Amino acid sequence: MNNIYRFFWFCSGIHIATLEKHPTEHNKYVGIGATIFFTGLFAALSGGYAMYFVFKGDPGAVFFALFFGLLWGLAIFNMDRYIVSSINKNASTWKQIAQATPRILLAIMIGIVISRPLELKIFDKEIKERLKISYINSQRSRIDTLNSSFNKKYTFELNQLNEAKARRDSLASGIESDRQKLNFEIFGNKTNETSGVMGYGPYAKRKEAELQQRTQNLESLTTDVQRLERFVDDRKNFDGLMTERLYTGKQLDSLTSHAGFADRNWALGQLSFNPDGTRDTATAMAVTFIGLLFIFFECLPVFVKMMSSRGPYDRSVENIEDAQNNSSTRNRDFEVDVTDAVQDTRVQTETEKQKVIIKGKAEHDLHNYDWNK
């Protein structure tokens, strides 16, 4: 238990030796340290999950996710630890607020970054369904675009094919009608266009000859239609229309499973809207409040440190800092005094030395002076 306490004290960024002297402060800094630790843990999970989707499909995706998740978690942990430990509880309230404001803004940004990948995991099922709709719509739009482009490119050929089909259908319908009339004539069925006399007479023979001729024309026209259809099909294969199909259920499942971070992030944003474009208030509020929860959790260590009262640990730290500042000042004064004294001694010594040199030179010049001049 003591090791756990010391670990969370380390996470809070306090001076452990000083804190041990104040048992009433132990639990407060255990709570602050635990909050910082779990914020870093959530950051590691968030970063690893995001990186997994970046490298999804790569054999080393799990390794990259673990490595980046650990690196990101440690970075956020270190940043939070610095943010909390740098708030000076011995300063005035307004100064503490001034110190904490940029740190809170940074914590909000970190909270947003941490929350997004975790939101992607929370709404994973809904995101997949929205991606399926998006992929179906995109594929349908692609097919419509290809068809429109193809129709514009081969307007003349398509018109020829449609006209040929219309003539073929009209001719086939006429032949079917004439064949029925021929049967009526042969079997003696009386109509406005048949004689009503049973047998294979001149009228029946003429009708049969006309029918054979029209059948030959139909065969020729059918051959033209088939030729035009083969040409159109070849052009469709060449332009890729024949290979484009709407996705099946298995294909959609595969696409959503391999969707990247950007697609999933877009789909998460689209969850706030219904398919018809109206706003889905319930889902939008759920996404917003989950994001705010992580942002608040990231800011919580700073808030806890600001809301906590100035305790004996803070006073001890202030006293230690004052003593260290005083010691540093006195050491500086000592070094300055010693340097000044040494410098004065060097100046005095050098002065005496120069005096001796000058005096000796003067005596030498006086001894060698020629008094007979």
Foldseek 3Di string as FASTA:
>chain_A
DVVLLVQLLVLLVADVVLVVVPVVCSVLSSVLSVLLLVLLVLQLVLQLLQQLLVCPPPPCSNVRSNVRSNVRSVVSSVLLSCLLVVQQQVDDLVVSCVSNVVVLVVLLVSLLSSLLSVLLVVCVVLLLVLVLVVLLVVLVVVLVVLVVVLCVVPVVLVVVLVVLVVVLVVLVVVLVVLVVVLVCQQCQPDDPPHPSDHHCDPVSVVSVVVSVVSVVVSVVSVVVNVVSVVVSVVVCVVSVNVVRDRDDPVRSVVCSVSDHPVSSSVSLVCVQADPVGHGDPVSVVVSVVSSVVSSCSSCVSSVSSSPDHCDPSSVVVVVVVVVVVVVVVVVVVVVVVVVVVVVVVVVVVVVVVVVVVVVVVVVVCVVPDDPVD
